[in-house]
C-alpha atoms as a PDB file:
ATOM      1  CA  MET A   1       0.000   0.000   0.000  1.00  0.00           C
ATOM      2  CA  GLU A   2       1.227   3.465  -0.856  1.00  0.00           C
ATOM      3  CA  ARG A   3       1.917   5.855   2.018  1.00  0.00           C
ATOM      4  CA  PHE A   4       0.668   9.409   1.890  1.00  0.00           C
ATOM      5  CA  PRO A   5       1.774  12.329   4.092  1.00  0.00           C
ATOM      6  CA  PHE A   6      -1.650  13.017   5.610  1.00  0.00           C
ATOM      7  CA  PRO A   7      -1.825  16.147   7.776  1.00  0.00           C
ATOM      8  CA  ASP A   8      -2.771  15.503  11.404  1.00  0.00           C
ATOM      9  CA  ASP A   9      -5.927  17.630  11.222  1.00  0.00           C
ATOM     10  CA  LEU A  10      -7.195  15.637   8.233  1.00  0.00           C
ATOM     11  CA  VAL A  11      -6.553  12.328  10.000  1.00  0.00           C
ATOM     12  CA  ARG A  12      -8.348  13.593  13.140  1.00  0.00           C
ATOM     13  CA  ALA A  13     -11.321  14.806  11.102  1.00  0.00           C
ATOM     14  CA  GLN A  14     -11.626  11.440   9.357  1.00  0.00           C
ATOM     15  CA  GLN A  15     -11.380   9.590  12.700  1.00  0.00           C
ATOM     16  CA  GLU A  16     -14.099  11.836  14.142  1.00  0.00           C
ATOM     17  CA  TRP A  17     -16.206  11.182  11.031  1.00  0.00           C
ATOM     18  CA  HIS A  18     -15.971   7.421  11.606  1.00  0.00           C
ATOM     19  CA  ASP A  19     -16.778   7.804  15.313  1.00  0.00           C
ATOM     20  CA  THR A  20     -19.787  10.018  14.578  1.00  0.00           C
ATOM     21  CA  TYR A  21     -21.053   7.689  11.855  1.00  0.00           C
ATOM     22  CA  ARG A  22     -20.789   4.705  14.195  1.00  0.00           C
ATOM     23  CA  ALA A  23     -22.627   6.616  16.916  1.00  0.00           C
ATOM     24  CA  LEU A  24     -25.499   7.115  14.490  1.00  0.00           C
ATOM     25  CA  THR A  25     -25.652   3.381  13.795  1.00  0.00           C
ATOM     26  CA  LEU A  26     -26.197   2.511  17.462  1.00  0.00           C
ATOM     27  CA  PRO A  27     -29.764   1.700  18.504  1.00  0.00           C
ATOM     28  CA  CYS A  28     -31.754   4.782  19.473  1.00  0.00           C
ATOM     29  CA  PRO A  29     -29.046   7.454  19.438  1.00  0.00           C
ATOM     30  CA  ARG A  30     -29.935  10.577  21.355  1.00  0.00           C
ATOM     31  CA  ARG A  31     -29.409  13.848  19.558  1.00  0.00           C
ATOM     32  CA  ALA A  32     -29.413  12.150  16.177  1.00  0.00           C
ATOM     33  CA  THR A  33     -29.920  15.506  14.458  1.00  0.00           C
ATOM     34  CA  GLU A  34     -26.839  16.889  16.189  1.00  0.00           C
ATOM     35  CA  LEU A  35     -24.835  13.832  15.120  1.00  0.00           C
ATOM     36  CA  ARG A  36     -26.033  14.116  11.510  1.00  0.00           C
ATOM     37  CA  ARG A  37     -25.064  17.798  11.443  1.00  0.00           C
ATOM     38  CA  ARG A  38     -21.650  16.919  12.870  1.00  0.00           C
ATOM     39  CA  LEU A  39     -21.223  14.228  10.227  1.00  0.00           C
ATOM     40  CA  LEU A  40     -22.100  16.708   7.486  1.00  0.00           C
ATOM     41  CA  ALA A  41     -19.689  19.347   8.840  1.00  0.00           C
ATOM     42  CA  LEU A  42     -16.879  16.784   9.056  1.00  0.00           C
ATOM     43  CA  SER A  43     -17.648  15.581   5.530  1.00  0.00           C
ATOM     44  CA  VAL A  44     -17.290  19.131   4.219  1.00  0.00           C
ATOM     45  CA  ARG A  45     -14.059  19.679   6.172  1.00  0.00           C
ATOM     46  CA  ILE A  46     -12.576  16.451   4.818  1.00  0.00           C
ATOM     47  CA  HIS A  47     -13.741  16.969   1.237  1.00  0.00           C
ATOM     48  CA  TRP A  48     -12.370  20.506   0.934  1.00  0.00           C
ATOM     49  CA  HIS A  49      -9.146  19.959   2.886  1.00  0.00           C
ATOM     50  CA  PRO A  50      -6.145  21.592   1.134  1.00  0.00           C
ATOM     51  CA  PHE A  51      -4.285  18.251   1.128  1.00  0.00           C
ATOM     52  CA  TRP A  52      -6.459  17.056  -1.780  1.00  0.00           C
ATOM     53  CA  SER A  53      -4.992  19.855  -3.938  1.00  0.00           C
ATOM     54  CA  THR A  54      -1.422  18.633  -3.475  1.00  0.00           C
ATOM     55  CA  PRO A  55       0.214  16.137  -5.860  1.00  0.00           C
ATOM     56  CA  SER A  56      -0.043  13.369  -3.230  1.00  0.00           C
ATOM     57  CA  GLY A  57      -3.697  14.099  -2.548  1.00  0.00           C
ATOM     58  CA  ARG A  58      -4.891  14.154  -6.137  1.00  0.00           C
ATOM     59  CA  THR A  59      -5.069  10.370  -6.492  1.00  0.00           C
ATOM     60  CA  PRO A  60      -8.212   8.413  -5.562  1.00  0.00           C
ATOM     61  CA  SER A  61      -6.011   5.933  -3.708  1.00  0.00           C
ATOM     62  CA  ALA A  62      -5.124   8.668  -1.198  1.00  0.00           C
ATOM     63  CA  ARG A  63      -8.782   8.981  -0.143  1.00  0.00           C
ATOM     64  CA  VAL A  64      -9.090   5.202   0.119  1.00  0.00           C
ATOM     65  CA  GLU A  65      -5.963   4.945   2.242  1.00  0.00           C
ATOM     66  CA  LEU A  66      -7.148   7.716   4.570  1.00  0.00           C
ATOM     67  CA  ARG A  67     -10.422   5.862   5.174  1.00  0.00           C
ATOM     68  CA  GLN A  68      -8.586   2.582   5.734  1.00  0.00           C
ATOM     69  CA  LEU A  69      -6.029   4.206   8.009  1.00  0.00           C
ATOM     70  CA  THR A  70      -8.643   5.832  10.219  1.00  0.00           C
ATOM     71  CA  GLY A  71     -11.531   3.371  10.082  1.00  0.00           C
ATOM     72  CA  GLY A  72     -10.011   0.114  11.282  1.00  0.00           C
ATOM     73  CA  GLY A  73     -10.811  -1.123  14.753  1.00  0.00           C
ATOM     74  CA  ARG A  74     -12.577   1.998  15.938  1.00  0.00           C
ATOM     75  CA  CYS A  75     -16.059   0.529  16.532  1.00  0.00           C
ATOM     76  CA  ALA A  76     -15.548   0.275  20.284  1.00  0.00           C
ATOM     77  CA  ALA A  77     -14.109   3.790  20.519  1.00  0.00           C
ATOM     78  CA  GLY A  78     -17.059   5.340  18.698  1.00  0.00           C
ATOM     79  CA  ALA A  79     -19.568   3.380  20.730  1.00  0.00           C
ATOM     80  CA  ALA A  80     -17.864   4.291  24.010  1.00  0.00           C
ATOM     81  CA  GLN A  81     -17.608   7.971  23.105  1.00  0.00           C
ATOM     82  CA  PHE A  82     -21.297   8.307  22.261  1.00  0.00           C
ATOM     83  CA  GLY A  83     -22.686   5.488  24.415  1.00  0.00           C
ATOM     84  CA  SER A  84     -24.230   7.913  26.881  1.00  0.00           C
ATOM     85  CA  ARG A  85     -26.436   9.272  24.110  1.00  0.00           C
ATOM     86  CA  LEU A  86     -28.617   6.191  23.879  1.00  0.00           C
ATOM     87  CA  ASP A  87     -32.320   6.346  24.661  1.00  0.00           C
ATOM     88  CA  ALA A  88     -33.940   3.682  26.786  1.00  0.00           C
ATOM     89  CA  ALA A  89     -36.945   3.543  24.454  1.00  0.00           C
ATOM     90  CA  PRO A  90     -36.931   0.945  21.663  1.00  0.00           C
ATOM     91  CA  ARG A  91     -36.492   2.087  18.080  1.00  0.00           C
ATOM     92  CA  HIS A  92     -39.617   1.833  15.951  1.00  0.00           C
ATOM     93  CA  SER A  93     -39.505   0.871  12.304  1.00  0.00           C
ATOM     94  CA  HIS A  94     -41.293   3.145   9.841  1.00  0.00           C
ATOM     95  CA  ALA A  95     -41.766   0.692   7.000  1.00  0.00           C
END
């Protein structure tokens, strides 16, 4: 796998994106609207980061590597960080 010189702030933003996304996938997340807004803001920050304008950042493989670098093994961290935001009420399906 190719190595890219990802800036620390971009790596942190992508890690936060994964954590926020995982928090939304938990049953009955509290403040789901707040989490969705956070996810959107992080998506914008990641998408428009100046790194993607550099020669290293112009390749699609750089985006893939960033997601792989930051997404692995973080399920427990995301769940623990947002675990207090769970409702006691069961989630209802709107089929």
